[in-house]
């Protein structure tokens, strides 16, 4: 899941080198933390949170396919 979030985030931001993704959790659940440059935060969140909601939907679907519950958090 970490790689999926990283690819999606790097495609969205102006400064892809500042993207950091960390995955914590076990075999049945995981939390993926996404950090981006403060200037790119709006691009990752989107209007009314639509972009981050779409990222969460894609990651949740991929996690379900693997039998895992995955959540994505955007941290500063």
PDB file of N, CA and C in Angstrom:
ATOM      1  N   UNK A   1       0.811  -1.188   0.000  1.00  0.00           N
ATOM      2  CA  UNK A   1       0.000   0.000   0.000  1.00  0.00           C
ATOM      3  C   UNK A   1       0.861   1.262   0.000  1.00  0.00           C
ATOM      4  N   UNK A   2       1.986   1.163   0.652  1.00  0.00           N
ATOM      5  CA  UNK A   2       2.885   2.305   0.731  1.00  0.00           C
ATOM      6  C   UNK A   2       3.279   2.780  -0.664  1.00  0.00           C
ATOM      7  N   UNK A   3       3.599   1.836  -1.542  1.00  0.00           N
ATOM      8  CA  UNK A   3       4.036   2.186  -2.892  1.00  0.00           C
ATOM      9  C   UNK A   3       2.905   2.823  -3.682  1.00  0.00           C
ATOM     10  N   UNK A   4       1.686   2.337  -3.505  1.00  0.00           N
ATOM     11  CA  UNK A   4       0.532   2.882  -4.210  1.00  0.00           C
ATOM     12  C   UNK A   4       0.286   4.330  -3.826  1.00  0.00           C
ATOM     13  N   UNK A   5       0.302   4.617  -2.540  1.00  0.00           N
ATOM     14  CA  UNK A   5       0.095   5.986  -2.069  1.00  0.00           C
ATOM     15  C   UNK A   5       1.215   6.892  -2.552  1.00  0.00           C
ATOM     16  N   UNK A   6       2.438   6.390  -2.534  1.00  0.00           N
ATOM     17  CA  UNK A   6       3.587   7.188  -2.969  1.00  0.00           C
ATOM     18  C   UNK A   6       3.477   7.554  -4.443  1.00  0.00           C
ATOM     19  N   UNK A   7       3.090   6.611  -5.276  1.00  0.00           N
ATOM     20  CA  UNK A   7       2.950   6.874  -6.711  1.00  0.00           C
ATOM     21  C   UNK A   7       1.840   7.893  -6.963  1.00  0.00           C
ATOM     22  N   UNK A   8       0.723   7.728  -6.297  1.00  0.00           N
ATOM     23  CA  UNK A   8      -0.388   8.664  -6.476  1.00  0.00           C
ATOM     24  C   UNK A   8      -0.005  10.073  -6.020  1.00  0.00           C
ATOM     25  N   UNK A   9       0.647  10.184  -4.877  1.00  0.00           N
ATOM     26  CA  UNK A   9       1.006  11.496  -4.339  1.00  0.00           C
ATOM     27  C   UNK A   9       2.065  12.188  -5.203  1.00  0.00           C
ATOM     28  N   UNK A  10       3.057  11.435  -5.657  1.00  0.00           N
ATOM     29  CA  UNK A  10       4.109  12.037  -6.489  1.00  0.00           C
ATOM     30  C   UNK A  10       3.553  12.556  -7.809  1.00  0.00           C
ATOM     31  N   UNK A  11       2.500  11.934  -8.310  1.00  0.00           N
ATOM     32  CA  UNK A  11       1.887  12.390  -9.560  1.00  0.00           C
ATOM     33  C   UNK A  11       1.111  13.693  -9.371  1.00  0.00           C
ATOM     34  N   UNK A  12       0.709  13.981  -8.156  1.00  0.00           N
ATOM     35  CA  UNK A  12      -0.128  15.153  -7.900  1.00  0.00           C
ATOM     36  C   UNK A  12       0.645  16.422  -7.551  1.00  0.00           C
ATOM     37  N   UNK A  13       1.789  16.290  -6.908  1.00  0.00           N
ATOM     38  CA  UNK A  13       2.473  17.441  -6.321  1.00  0.00           C
ATOM     39  C   UNK A  13       3.499  18.054  -7.269  1.00  0.00           C
ATOM     40  N   UNK A  14       3.897  19.298  -6.945  1.00  0.00           N
ATOM     41  CA  UNK A  14       4.942  19.987  -7.703  1.00  0.00           C
ATOM     42  C   UNK A  14       6.333  19.580  -7.248  1.00  0.00           C
ATOM     43  N   UNK A  15       6.467  19.165  -5.988  1.00  0.00           N
ATOM     44  CA  UNK A  15       7.759  18.792  -5.422  1.00  0.00           C
ATOM     45  C   UNK A  15       7.717  17.318  -5.009  1.00  0.00           C
ATOM     46  N   UNK A  16       7.868  16.391  -5.979  1.00  0.00           N
ATOM     47  CA  UNK A  16       7.749  14.971  -5.640  1.00  0.00           C
ATOM     48  C   UNK A  16       8.860  14.450  -4.732  1.00  0.00           C
ATOM     49  N   UNK A  17       9.964  15.155  -4.643  1.00  0.00           N
ATOM     50  CA  UNK A  17      11.049  14.728  -3.778  1.00  0.00           C
ATOM     51  C   UNK A  17      10.720  14.862  -2.304  1.00  0.00           C
ATOM     52  N   UNK A  18       9.735  15.698  -1.972  1.00  0.00           N
ATOM     53  CA  UNK A  18       9.372  15.928  -0.579  1.00  0.00           C
ATOM     54  C   UNK A  18       8.305  14.961  -0.077  1.00  0.00           C
ATOM     55  N   UNK A  19       7.831  14.070  -0.934  1.00  0.00           N
ATOM     56  CA  UNK A  19       6.791  13.123  -0.537  1.00  0.00           C
ATOM     57  C   UNK A  19       7.403  12.032   0.333  1.00  0.00           C
ATOM     58  N   UNK A  20       6.813  11.824   1.508  1.00  0.00           N
ATOM     59  CA  UNK A  20       7.249  10.773   2.427  1.00  0.00           C
ATOM     60  C   UNK A  20       6.035   9.947   2.818  1.00  0.00           C
ATOM     61  N   UNK A  21       6.168   8.642   2.725  1.00  0.00           N
ATOM     62  CA  UNK A  21       5.075   7.741   3.072  1.00  0.00           C
ATOM     63  C   UNK A  21       5.581   6.735   4.087  1.00  0.00           C
ATOM     64  N   UNK A  22       4.807   6.540   5.152  1.00  0.00           N
ATOM     65  CA  UNK A  22       5.171   5.571   6.192  1.00  0.00           C
ATOM     66  C   UNK A  22       3.964   4.688   6.473  1.00  0.00           C
ATOM     67  N   UNK A  23       4.191   3.393   6.502  1.00  0.00           N
ATOM     68  CA  UNK A  23       3.111   2.442   6.757  1.00  0.00           C
ATOM     69  C   UNK A  23       3.352   1.749   8.091  1.00  0.00           C
ATOM     70  N   UNK A  24       2.337   1.752   8.937  1.00  0.00           N
ATOM     71  CA  UNK A  24       2.411   1.054  10.214  1.00  0.00           C
ATOM     72  C   UNK A  24       1.194   0.149  10.331  1.00  0.00           C
ATOM     73  N   UNK A  25       1.364  -0.932  11.030  1.00  0.00           N
ATOM     74  CA  UNK A  25       0.239  -1.827  11.237  1.00  0.00           C
ATOM     75  C   UNK A  25       0.646  -3.267  11.089  1.00  0.00           C
ATOM     76  N   UNK A  26      -0.338  -4.132  11.176  1.00  0.00           N
ATOM     77  CA  UNK A  26      -0.087  -5.562  11.125  1.00  0.00           C
ATOM     78  C   UNK A  26      -0.531  -6.190   9.828  1.00  0.00           C
ATOM     79  N   UNK A  27      -0.905  -7.455   9.921  1.00  0.00           N
ATOM     80  CA  UNK A  27      -1.275  -8.199   8.721  1.00  0.00           C
ATOM     81  C   UNK A  27      -2.709  -7.935   8.298  1.00  0.00           C
ATOM     82  N   UNK A  28      -3.581  -7.563   9.233  1.00  0.00           N
ATOM     83  CA  UNK A  28      -4.994  -7.369   8.893  1.00  0.00           C
ATOM     84  C   UNK A  28      -5.400  -5.913   8.756  1.00  0.00           C
ATOM     85  N   UNK A  29      -4.590  -4.999   9.271  1.00  0.00           N
ATOM     86  CA  UNK A  29      -4.911  -3.581   9.159  1.00  0.00           C
ATOM     87  C   UNK A  29      -3.622  -2.769   9.086  1.00  0.00           C
ATOM     88  N   UNK A  30      -3.740  -1.588   8.503  1.00  0.00           N
ATOM     89  CA  UNK A  30      -2.569  -0.726   8.369  1.00  0.00           C
ATOM     90  C   UNK A  30      -3.004   0.730   8.305  1.00  0.00           C
ATOM     91  N   UNK A  31      -2.096   1.604   8.715  1.00  0.00           N
ATOM     92  CA  UNK A  31      -2.281   3.043   8.593  1.00  0.00           C
ATOM     93  C   UNK A  31      -1.133   3.563   7.747  1.00  0.00           C
ATOM     94  N   UNK A  32      -1.471   4.272   6.692  1.00  0.00           N
ATOM     95  CA  UNK A  32      -0.464   4.848   5.807  1.00  0.00           C
ATOM     96  C   UNK A  32      -0.459   6.355   6.047  1.00  0.00           C
ATOM     97  N   UNK A  33       0.681   6.873   6.472  1.00  0.00           N
ATOM     98  CA  UNK A  33       0.835   8.309   6.727  1.00  0.00           C
ATOM     99  C   UNK A  33       1.534   8.952   5.543  1.00  0.00           C
ATOM    100  N   UNK A  34       0.948  10.007   5.030  1.00  0.00           N
ATOM    101  CA  UNK A  34       1.477  10.719   3.865  1.00  0.00           C
ATOM    102  C   UNK A  34       1.899  12.111   4.287  1.00  0.00           C
ATOM    103  N   UNK A  35       3.150  12.440   3.999  1.00  0.00           N
ATOM    104  CA  UNK A  35       3.674  13.788   4.261  1.00  0.00           C
ATOM    105  C   UNK A  35       4.118  14.391   2.936  1.00  0.00           C
ATOM    106  N   UNK A  36       3.719  15.636   2.715  1.00  0.00           N
ATOM    107  CA  UNK A  36       4.118  16.357   1.508  1.00  0.00           C
ATOM    108  C   UNK A  36       4.605  17.744   1.910  1.00  0.00           C
ATOM    109  N   UNK A  37       5.194  18.443   0.952  1.00  0.00           N
ATOM    110  CA  UNK A  37       5.634  19.817   1.164  1.00  0.00           C
ATOM    111  C   UNK A  37       4.415  20.664   1.536  1.00  0.00           C
ATOM    112  N   UNK A  38       4.544  21.605   2.474  1.00  0.00           N
ATOM    113  CA  UNK A  38       3.391  22.428   2.857  1.00  0.00           C
ATOM    114  C   UNK A  38       2.746  23.164   1.686  1.00  0.00           C
ATOM    115  N   UNK A  39       3.528  23.521   0.685  1.00  0.00           N
ATOM    116  CA  UNK A  39       2.965  24.202  -0.487  1.00  0.00           C
ATOM    117  C   UNK A  39       2.102  23.265  -1.326  1.00  0.00           C
ATOM    118  N   UNK A  40       2.325  21.980  -1.241  1.00  0.00           N
ATOM    119  CA  UNK A  40       1.574  20.997  -2.018  1.00  0.00           C
ATOM    120  C   UNK A  40       0.406  20.391  -1.246  1.00  0.00           C
ATOM    121  N   UNK A  41       0.212  20.800  -0.012  1.00  0.00           N
ATOM    122  CA  UNK A  41      -0.838  20.207   0.816  1.00  0.00           C
ATOM    123  C   UNK A  41      -2.217  20.386   0.179  1.00  0.00           C
ATOM    124  N   UNK A  42      -2.474  21.543  -0.394  1.00  0.00           N
ATOM    125  CA  UNK A  42      -3.767  21.795  -1.018  1.00  0.00           C
ATOM    126  C   UNK A  42      -4.025  20.913  -2.219  1.00  0.00           C
ATOM    127  N   UNK A  43      -2.978  20.573  -2.945  1.00  0.00           N
ATOM    128  CA  UNK A  43      -3.132  19.707  -4.118  1.00  0.00           C
ATOM    129  C   UNK A  43      -3.471  18.287  -3.716  1.00  0.00           C
ATOM    130  N   UNK A  44      -2.927  17.838  -2.607  1.00  0.00           N
ATOM    131  CA  UNK A  44      -3.191  16.475  -2.145  1.00  0.00           C
ATOM    132  C   UNK A  44      -4.591  16.388  -1.523  1.00  0.00           C
ATOM    133  N   UNK A  45      -5.003  17.428  -0.821  1.00  0.00           N
ATOM    134  CA  UNK A  45      -6.315  17.411  -0.185  1.00  0.00           C
ATOM    135  C   UNK A  45      -7.408  17.699  -1.209  1.00  0.00           C
ATOM    136  N   UNK A  46      -7.216  18.690  -2.053  1.00  0.00           N
ATOM    137  CA  UNK A  46      -8.198  19.025  -3.071  1.00  0.00           C
ATOM    138  C   UNK A  46      -9.342  19.849  -2.518  1.00  0.00           C
ATOM    139  N   UNK A  47     -10.226  20.248  -3.412  1.00  0.00           N
ATOM    140  CA  UNK A  47     -11.377  21.049  -2.992  1.00  0.00           C
ATOM    141  C   UNK A  47     -12.330  20.186  -2.175  1.00  0.00           C
ATOM    142  N   UNK A  48     -12.612  20.658  -0.994  1.00  0.00           N
ATOM    143  CA  UNK A  48     -13.489  19.977  -0.048  1.00  0.00           C
ATOM    144  C   UNK A  48     -13.040  18.535   0.217  1.00  0.00           C
ATOM    145  N   UNK A  49     -11.734  18.266   0.065  1.00  0.00           N
ATOM    146  CA  UNK A  49     -11.179  16.957   0.385  1.00  0.00           C
ATOM    147  C   UNK A  49     -11.429  15.886  -0.659  1.00  0.00           C
ATOM    148  N   UNK A  50     -11.787  16.286  -1.862  1.00  0.00           N
ATOM    149  CA  UNK A  50     -12.137  15.299  -2.887  1.00  0.00           C
ATOM    150  C   UNK A  50     -10.948  14.457  -3.342  1.00  0.00           C
ATOM    151  N   UNK A  51      -9.777  15.050  -3.469  1.00  0.00           N
ATOM    152  CA  UNK A  51      -8.611  14.301  -3.948  1.00  0.00           C
ATOM    153  C   UNK A  51      -8.175  13.273  -2.912  1.00  0.00           C
ATOM    154  N   UNK A  52      -8.065  13.674  -1.666  1.00  0.00           N
ATOM    155  CA  UNK A  52      -7.650  12.730  -0.627  1.00  0.00           C
ATOM    156  C   UNK A  52      -8.715  11.657  -0.423  1.00  0.00           C
ATOM    157  N   UNK A  53      -9.962  12.001  -0.615  1.00  0.00           N
ATOM    158  CA  UNK A  53     -11.029  10.994  -0.520  1.00  0.00           C
ATOM    159  C   UNK A  53     -10.887   9.963  -1.639  1.00  0.00           C
ATOM    160  N   UNK A  54     -10.519  10.417  -2.831  1.00  0.00           N
ATOM    161  CA  UNK A  54     -10.309   9.486  -3.951  1.00  0.00           C
ATOM    162  C   UNK A  54      -9.110   8.585  -3.693  1.00  0.00           C
ATOM    163  N   UNK A  55      -8.041   9.146  -3.128  1.00  0.00           N
ATOM    164  CA  UNK A  55      -6.867   8.342  -2.785  1.00  0.00           C
ATOM    165  C   UNK A  55      -7.251   7.278  -1.759  1.00  0.00           C
ATOM    166  N   UNK A  56      -8.013   7.679  -0.756  1.00  0.00           N
ATOM    167  CA  UNK A  56      -8.443   6.729   0.271  1.00  0.00           C
ATOM    168  C   UNK A  56      -9.315   5.623  -0.322  1.00  0.00           C
ATOM    169  N   UNK A  57     -10.167   5.972  -1.275  1.00  0.00           N
ATOM    170  CA  UNK A  57     -11.034   4.975  -1.904  1.00  0.00           C
ATOM    171  C   UNK A  57     -10.223   3.945  -2.676  1.00  0.00           C
ATOM    172  N   UNK A  58      -9.234   4.408  -3.448  1.00  0.00           N
ATOM    173  CA  UNK A  58      -8.393   3.499  -4.226  1.00  0.00           C
ATOM    174  C   UNK A  58      -7.594   2.583  -3.302  1.00  0.00           C
ATOM    175  N   UNK A  59      -7.013   3.147  -2.251  1.00  0.00           N
ATOM    176  CA  UNK A  59      -6.203   2.355  -1.323  1.00  0.00           C
ATOM    177  C   UNK A  59      -7.079   1.368  -0.548  1.00  0.00           C
ATOM    178  N   UNK A  60      -8.272   1.803  -0.175  1.00  0.00           N
ATOM    179  CA  UNK A  60      -9.181   0.904   0.540  1.00  0.00           C
ATOM    180  C   UNK A  60      -9.578  -0.274  -0.352  1.00  0.00           C
ATOM    181  N   UNK A  61      -9.839  -0.008  -1.625  1.00  0.00           N
ATOM    182  CA  UNK A  61     -10.196  -1.086  -2.552  1.00  0.00           C
ATOM    183  C   UNK A  61      -9.033  -2.055  -2.740  1.00  0.00           C
ATOM    184  N   UNK A  62      -7.822  -1.529  -2.864  1.00  0.00           N
ATOM    185  CA  UNK A  62      -6.649  -2.392  -3.009  1.00  0.00           C
ATOM    186  C   UNK A  62      -6.420  -3.207  -1.738  1.00  0.00           C
ATOM    187  N   UNK A  63      -6.650  -2.604  -0.589  1.00  0.00           N
ATOM    188  CA  UNK A  63      -6.497  -3.321   0.673  1.00  0.00           C
ATOM    189  C   UNK A  63      -7.538  -4.411   0.844  1.00  0.00           C
ATOM    190  N   UNK A  64      -8.752  -4.139   0.429  1.00  0.00           N
ATOM    191  CA  UNK A  64      -9.812  -5.134   0.517  1.00  0.00           C
ATOM    192  C   UNK A  64      -9.492  -6.342  -0.343  1.00  0.00           C
ATOM    193  N   UNK A  65      -8.902  -6.093  -1.477  1.00  0.00           N
ATOM    194  CA  UNK A  65      -8.522  -7.186  -2.372  1.00  0.00           C
ATOM    195  C   UNK A  65      -7.475  -8.095  -1.716  1.00  0.00           C
ATOM    196  N   UNK A  66      -6.638  -7.516  -0.845  1.00  0.00           N
ATOM    197  CA  UNK A  66      -5.622  -8.287  -0.131  1.00  0.00           C
ATOM    198  C   UNK A  66      -6.122  -8.781   1.224  1.00  0.00           C
ATOM    199  N   UNK A  67      -7.353  -8.449   1.583  1.00  0.00           N
ATOM    200  CA  UNK A  67      -7.892  -8.867   2.864  1.00  0.00           C
ATOM    201  C   UNK A  67      -7.412  -8.025   4.029  1.00  0.00           C
ATOM    202  N   UNK A  68      -7.052  -6.779   3.761  1.00  0.00           N
ATOM    203  CA  UNK A  68      -6.557  -5.876   4.806  1.00  0.00           C
ATOM    204  C   UNK A  68      -7.429  -4.631   4.876  1.00  0.00           C
ATOM    205  N   UNK A  69      -7.487  -4.029   6.038  1.00  0.00           N
ATOM    206  CA  UNK A  69      -8.161  -2.756   6.213  1.00  0.00           C
ATOM    207  C   UNK A  69      -7.079  -1.682   6.271  1.00  0.00           C
ATOM    208  N   UNK A  70      -7.106  -0.770   5.328  1.00  0.00           N
ATOM    209  CA  UNK A  70      -6.056   0.250   5.217  1.00  0.00           C
ATOM    210  C   UNK A  70      -6.690   1.626   5.272  1.00  0.00           C
ATOM    211  N   UNK A  71      -6.096   2.515   6.075  1.00  0.00           N
ATOM    212  CA  UNK A  71      -6.548   3.902   6.117  1.00  0.00           C
ATOM    213  C   UNK A  71      -5.378   4.812   5.777  1.00  0.00           C
ATOM    214  N   UNK A  72      -5.682   5.936   5.148  1.00  0.00           N
ATOM    215  CA  UNK A  72      -4.658   6.898   4.721  1.00  0.00           C
ATOM    216  C   UNK A  72      -4.858   8.177   5.535  1.00  0.00           C
ATOM    217  N   UNK A  73      -3.767   8.650   6.130  1.00  0.00           N
ATOM    218  CA  UNK A  73      -3.784   9.898   6.898  1.00  0.00           C
ATOM    219  C   UNK A  73      -2.785  10.855   6.275  1.00  0.00           C
ATOM    220  N   UNK A  74      -3.209  12.091   6.055  1.00  0.00           N
ATOM    221  CA  UNK A  74      -2.303  13.143   5.577  1.00  0.00           C
ATOM    222  C   UNK A  74      -1.861  13.913   6.806  1.00  0.00           C
ATOM    223  N   UNK A  75      -0.557  13.866   7.078  1.00  0.00           N
ATOM    224  CA  UNK A  75      -0.010  14.541   8.259  1.00  0.00           C
ATOM    225  C   UNK A  75       0.924  15.648   7.831  1.00  0.00           C
ATOM    226  N   UNK A  76       1.093  16.605   8.731  1.00  0.00           N
ATOM    227  CA  UNK A  76       1.907  17.768   8.411  1.00  0.00           C
ATOM    228  C   UNK A  76       3.250  17.695   9.065  1.00  0.00           C
TER     229      UNK A  76
END
